[in-house]
Amino acid sequence: MFRKKRADNKKDTEQIELVVLATVKDSIELHMIKGILDDNGIPYIVKDHGMGGYFRILSGDSGFFQTDVLVDKDAYERAKEIVGQLFFDDNEQHK
């Protein structure tokens, strides 16, 4: 698992717990989410399902493979709020 350095520069580290912020099917949505997180200083990790990353390189976006965007559990609520402002669930739009 990943480790996070403490702000006080001690040699102690604490465990980072990653949670899935979003699962996307195309590179446009992936790049939009990555840009939003970058602009707001929220670190993330992108994890392709199966051979998704290789398949995307060879054939472009096909929608067959999905990609997870993971963030630190401590940053999840903030990231969800920021990303959620741009990506609305169909059920939320009709309320």
N, C-alpha and C. Protein backbone atom coordinates (compact mmCIF):
# COMPACT_ATOMS: atom_id res chain seq x y z
N MET A 1 0.85 -1.18 0.00
CA MET A 1 0.00 0.00 0.00
C MET A 1 0.89 1.23 0.00
N PHE A 2 0.35 2.36 -0.24
CA PHE A 2 1.10 3.59 -0.32
C PHE A 2 1.26 4.20 1.06
N ARG A 3 2.31 4.96 1.22
CA ARG A 3 2.54 5.63 2.49
C ARG A 3 2.60 7.14 2.26
N LYS A 4 2.18 7.87 3.27
CA LYS A 4 2.14 9.32 3.18
C LYS A 4 3.09 9.89 4.23
N LYS A 5 3.95 10.82 3.81
CA LYS A 5 4.86 11.45 4.75
C LYS A 5 4.09 12.46 5.58
N ARG A 6 4.49 12.60 6.81
CA ARG A 6 3.86 13.58 7.68
C ARG A 6 4.34 14.98 7.32
N ALA A 7 3.52 15.95 7.61
CA ALA A 7 3.85 17.34 7.27
C ALA A 7 5.03 17.86 8.09
N ASP A 8 5.29 17.29 9.25
CA ASP A 8 6.37 17.79 10.09
C ASP A 8 7.72 17.19 9.72
N ASN A 9 7.80 16.50 8.58
CA ASN A 9 9.04 15.94 8.03
C ASN A 9 9.71 14.91 8.93
N LYS A 10 8.99 14.32 9.85
CA LYS A 10 9.55 13.23 10.64
C LYS A 10 9.67 12.00 9.75
N LYS A 11 10.45 11.04 10.18
CA LYS A 11 10.61 9.83 9.39
C LYS A 11 9.40 8.92 9.50
N ASP A 12 8.49 9.22 10.39
CA ASP A 12 7.27 8.41 10.54
C ASP A 12 6.39 8.60 9.31
N THR A 13 5.76 7.53 8.92
CA THR A 13 4.79 7.60 7.83
C THR A 13 3.50 6.95 8.29
N GLU A 14 2.43 7.31 7.64
CA GLU A 14 1.15 6.69 7.96
C GLU A 14 0.57 6.08 6.70
N GLN A 15 -0.22 5.06 6.87
CA GLN A 15 -0.82 4.33 5.75
C GLN A 15 -1.86 5.19 5.05
N ILE A 16 -1.89 5.12 3.74
CA ILE A 16 -2.92 5.80 2.95
C ILE A 16 -3.94 4.76 2.53
N GLU A 17 -5.20 5.09 2.74
CA GLU A 17 -6.28 4.20 2.30
C GLU A 17 -6.91 4.81 1.06
N LEU A 18 -6.84 4.08 -0.05
CA LEU A 18 -7.39 4.56 -1.30
C LEU A 18 -8.84 4.11 -1.47
N VAL A 19 -9.66 5.00 -1.99
CA VAL A 19 -11.06 4.67 -2.29
C VAL A 19 -11.35 5.09 -3.73
N VAL A 20 -12.29 4.42 -4.36
CA VAL A 20 -12.66 4.72 -5.74
C VAL A 20 -13.55 5.96 -5.76
N LEU A 21 -13.08 6.99 -6.42
CA LEU A 21 -13.86 8.21 -6.59
C LEU A 21 -14.83 8.05 -7.76
N ALA A 22 -14.33 7.48 -8.86
CA ALA A 22 -15.16 7.34 -10.05
C ALA A 22 -14.64 6.19 -10.90
N THR A 23 -15.54 5.59 -11.65
CA THR A 23 -15.20 4.59 -12.66
C THR A 23 -15.69 5.14 -13.98
N VAL A 24 -14.76 5.30 -14.93
CA VAL A 24 -15.09 5.91 -16.22
C VAL A 24 -14.86 4.93 -17.36
N LYS A 25 -15.55 5.19 -18.48
CA LYS A 25 -15.45 4.29 -19.64
C LYS A 25 -14.72 4.94 -20.81
N ASP A 26 -14.48 6.24 -20.78
CA ASP A 26 -13.81 6.87 -21.92
C ASP A 26 -12.75 7.86 -21.44
N SER A 27 -11.82 8.17 -22.33
CA SER A 27 -10.69 9.01 -21.95
C SER A 27 -11.09 10.48 -21.77
N ILE A 28 -12.16 10.92 -22.40
CA ILE A 28 -12.60 12.31 -22.23
C ILE A 28 -13.01 12.55 -20.79
N GLU A 29 -13.86 11.69 -20.26
CA GLU A 29 -14.30 11.82 -18.88
C GLU A 29 -13.11 11.65 -17.93
N LEU A 30 -12.22 10.71 -18.24
CA LEU A 30 -11.04 10.48 -17.41
C LEU A 30 -10.18 11.74 -17.34
N HIS A 31 -9.91 12.35 -18.48
CA HIS A 31 -9.06 13.54 -18.51
C HIS A 31 -9.74 14.73 -17.83
N MET A 32 -11.05 14.82 -17.91
CA MET A 32 -11.77 15.90 -17.22
C MET A 32 -11.63 15.74 -15.71
N ILE A 33 -11.82 14.53 -15.21
CA ILE A 33 -11.71 14.28 -13.77
C ILE A 33 -10.28 14.53 -13.31
N LYS A 34 -9.30 14.02 -14.07
CA LYS A 34 -7.90 14.24 -13.71
C LYS A 34 -7.57 15.72 -13.66
N GLY A 35 -8.07 16.49 -14.63
CA GLY A 35 -7.82 17.93 -14.65
C GLY A 35 -8.42 18.64 -13.45
N ILE A 36 -9.64 18.25 -13.10
CA ILE A 36 -10.30 18.85 -11.93
C ILE A 36 -9.51 18.56 -10.66
N LEU A 37 -9.08 17.31 -10.50
CA LEU A 37 -8.32 16.94 -9.32
C LEU A 37 -6.97 17.65 -9.29
N ASP A 38 -6.30 17.72 -10.44
CA ASP A 38 -5.03 18.44 -10.52
C ASP A 38 -5.20 19.91 -10.14
N ASP A 39 -6.22 20.55 -10.70
CA ASP A 39 -6.46 21.98 -10.44
C ASP A 39 -6.74 22.26 -8.97
N ASN A 40 -7.28 21.26 -8.26
CA ASN A 40 -7.62 21.44 -6.85
C ASN A 40 -6.61 20.82 -5.91
N GLY A 41 -5.48 20.35 -6.45
CA GLY A 41 -4.41 19.82 -5.62
C GLY A 41 -4.74 18.53 -4.91
N ILE A 42 -5.62 17.73 -5.50
CA ILE A 42 -6.00 16.45 -4.89
C ILE A 42 -5.25 15.33 -5.60
N PRO A 43 -4.37 14.63 -4.89
CA PRO A 43 -3.63 13.53 -5.53
C PRO A 43 -4.56 12.36 -5.84
N TYR A 44 -4.23 11.63 -6.90
CA TYR A 44 -5.07 10.51 -7.33
C TYR A 44 -4.21 9.46 -8.00
N ILE A 45 -4.79 8.29 -8.18
CA ILE A 45 -4.16 7.21 -8.92
C ILE A 45 -5.19 6.69 -9.92
N VAL A 46 -4.74 6.42 -11.13
CA VAL A 46 -5.61 5.88 -12.18
C VAL A 46 -5.29 4.40 -12.33
N LYS A 47 -6.33 3.57 -12.27
CA LYS A 47 -6.13 2.12 -12.38
C LYS A 47 -7.08 1.56 -13.43
N ASP A 48 -6.49 1.02 -14.51
CA ASP A 48 -7.30 0.42 -15.56
C ASP A 48 -7.71 -0.99 -15.17
N HIS A 49 -8.90 -1.39 -15.58
CA HIS A 49 -9.38 -2.76 -15.37
C HIS A 49 -8.79 -3.64 -16.45
N GLY A 50 -8.31 -4.79 -16.08
CA GLY A 50 -7.79 -5.75 -17.06
C GLY A 50 -6.71 -5.15 -17.93
N MET A 51 -6.88 -5.31 -19.22
CA MET A 51 -5.91 -4.78 -20.18
C MET A 51 -6.39 -3.46 -20.76
N GLY A 52 -7.21 -2.75 -20.04
CA GLY A 52 -7.82 -1.52 -20.53
C GLY A 52 -6.85 -0.48 -21.03
N GLY A 53 -5.76 -0.25 -20.30
CA GLY A 53 -4.78 0.74 -20.71
C GLY A 53 -4.11 0.39 -22.02
N TYR A 54 -3.74 -0.86 -22.19
CA TYR A 54 -3.11 -1.31 -23.42
C TYR A 54 -4.11 -1.27 -24.59
N PHE A 55 -5.33 -1.71 -24.31
CA PHE A 55 -6.35 -1.74 -25.35
C PHE A 55 -6.69 -0.33 -25.82
N ARG A 56 -6.70 0.63 -24.89
CA ARG A 56 -7.01 2.02 -25.23
C ARG A 56 -5.92 2.59 -26.15
N ILE A 57 -4.67 2.22 -25.90
CA ILE A 57 -3.57 2.69 -26.74
C ILE A 57 -3.71 2.15 -28.16
N LEU A 58 -4.06 0.88 -28.27
CA LEU A 58 -4.14 0.22 -29.58
C LEU A 58 -5.35 0.63 -30.40
N SER A 59 -6.50 0.76 -29.74
CA SER A 59 -7.72 0.97 -30.53
C SER A 59 -8.51 2.22 -30.15
N GLY A 60 -7.99 3.03 -29.27
CA GLY A 60 -8.73 4.22 -28.86
C GLY A 60 -9.81 3.86 -27.86
N ASP A 61 -10.71 4.77 -27.61
CA ASP A 61 -11.78 4.52 -26.64
C ASP A 61 -12.82 3.60 -27.23
N SER A 62 -13.02 2.49 -26.56
CA SER A 62 -14.01 1.55 -27.06
C SER A 62 -15.17 1.39 -26.09
N GLY A 63 -14.94 1.73 -24.83
CA GLY A 63 -15.98 1.54 -23.83
C GLY A 63 -16.04 0.14 -23.27
N PHE A 64 -15.18 -0.75 -23.79
CA PHE A 64 -15.17 -2.12 -23.28
C PHE A 64 -14.52 -2.22 -21.91
N PHE A 65 -13.52 -1.41 -21.70
CA PHE A 65 -12.78 -1.47 -20.44
C PHE A 65 -13.01 -0.21 -19.63
N GLN A 66 -13.00 -0.37 -18.34
CA GLN A 66 -13.25 0.75 -17.45
C GLN A 66 -11.97 1.13 -16.71
N THR A 67 -11.95 2.36 -16.21
CA THR A 67 -10.82 2.87 -15.46
C THR A 67 -11.33 3.45 -14.15
N ASP A 68 -10.65 3.10 -13.06
CA ASP A 68 -10.98 3.66 -11.74
C ASP A 68 -10.06 4.84 -11.45
N VAL A 69 -10.62 5.87 -10.84
CA VAL A 69 -9.84 6.99 -10.33
C VAL A 69 -9.93 6.87 -8.81
N LEU A 70 -8.78 6.66 -8.18
CA LEU A 70 -8.73 6.47 -6.73
C LEU A 70 -8.11 7.68 -6.05
N VAL A 71 -8.64 8.02 -4.88
CA VAL A 71 -8.11 9.12 -4.08
C VAL A 71 -7.94 8.64 -2.64
N ASP A 72 -7.17 9.40 -1.89
CA ASP A 72 -6.99 9.12 -0.47
C ASP A 72 -8.34 9.28 0.24
N LYS A 73 -8.60 8.39 1.17
CA LYS A 73 -9.87 8.42 1.90
C LYS A 73 -10.11 9.78 2.56
N ASP A 74 -9.03 10.42 3.03
CA ASP A 74 -9.15 11.73 3.68
C ASP A 74 -9.59 12.82 2.71
N ALA A 75 -9.30 12.65 1.43
CA ALA A 75 -9.65 13.66 0.42
C ALA A 75 -10.91 13.30 -0.35
N TYR A 76 -11.50 12.14 -0.06
CA TYR A 76 -12.62 11.63 -0.85
C TYR A 76 -13.82 12.58 -0.87
N GLU A 77 -14.26 13.04 0.27
CA GLU A 77 -15.47 13.88 0.32
C GLU A 77 -15.28 15.17 -0.46
N ARG A 78 -14.12 15.78 -0.32
CA ARG A 78 -13.84 17.02 -1.06
C ARG A 78 -13.79 16.74 -2.56
N ALA A 79 -13.12 15.67 -2.95
CA ALA A 79 -13.01 15.31 -4.37
C ALA A 79 -14.39 14.99 -4.94
N LYS A 80 -15.19 14.26 -4.19
CA LYS A 80 -16.54 13.88 -4.65
C LYS A 80 -17.40 15.13 -4.86
N GLU A 81 -17.29 16.08 -3.95
CA GLU A 81 -18.07 17.31 -4.07
C GLU A 81 -17.65 18.11 -5.30
N ILE A 82 -16.34 18.23 -5.52
CA ILE A 82 -15.84 19.01 -6.65
C ILE A 82 -16.19 18.34 -7.98
N VAL A 83 -15.92 17.05 -8.09
CA VAL A 83 -16.20 16.32 -9.33
C VAL A 83 -17.71 16.23 -9.55
N GLY A 84 -18.47 16.05 -8.49
CA GLY A 84 -19.92 15.93 -8.58
C GLY A 84 -20.60 17.17 -9.12
N GLN A 85 -19.96 18.33 -9.00
CA GLN A 85 -20.54 19.56 -9.52
C GLN A 85 -20.59 19.55 -11.05
N LEU A 86 -19.71 18.78 -11.67
CA LEU A 86 -19.68 18.72 -13.13
C LEU A 86 -20.35 17.49 -13.71
N PHE A 87 -20.33 16.40 -12.96
CA PHE A 87 -20.89 15.14 -13.44
C PHE A 87 -22.11 14.80 -12.60
N PHE A 88 -23.29 15.07 -13.14
CA PHE A 88 -24.52 14.85 -12.41
C PHE A 88 -25.09 13.48 -12.74
N ASP A 89 -25.62 12.85 -11.74
CA ASP A 89 -26.35 11.59 -11.92
C ASP A 89 -27.72 11.92 -12.50
N ASP A 90 -28.22 11.11 -13.42
CA ASP A 90 -29.53 11.36 -14.03
C ASP A 90 -30.62 11.50 -13.00
N ASN A 91 -30.56 10.72 -11.93
CA ASN A 91 -31.58 10.79 -10.89
C ASN A 91 -31.55 12.12 -10.17
N GLU A 92 -30.37 12.71 -9.98
CA GLU A 92 -30.25 13.97 -9.28
C GLU A 92 -30.77 15.13 -10.14
N GLN A 93 -30.65 15.04 -11.46
CA GLN A 93 -31.09 16.12 -12.34
C GLN A 93 -32.61 16.25 -12.33
N HIS A 94 -33.30 15.15 -12.10
CA HIS A 94 -34.76 15.19 -12.19
C HIS A 94 -35.44 15.47 -10.86
N LYS A 95 -34.69 15.70 -9.81
CA LYS A 95 -35.32 15.98 -8.50
C LYS A 95 -35.76 17.40 -8.39
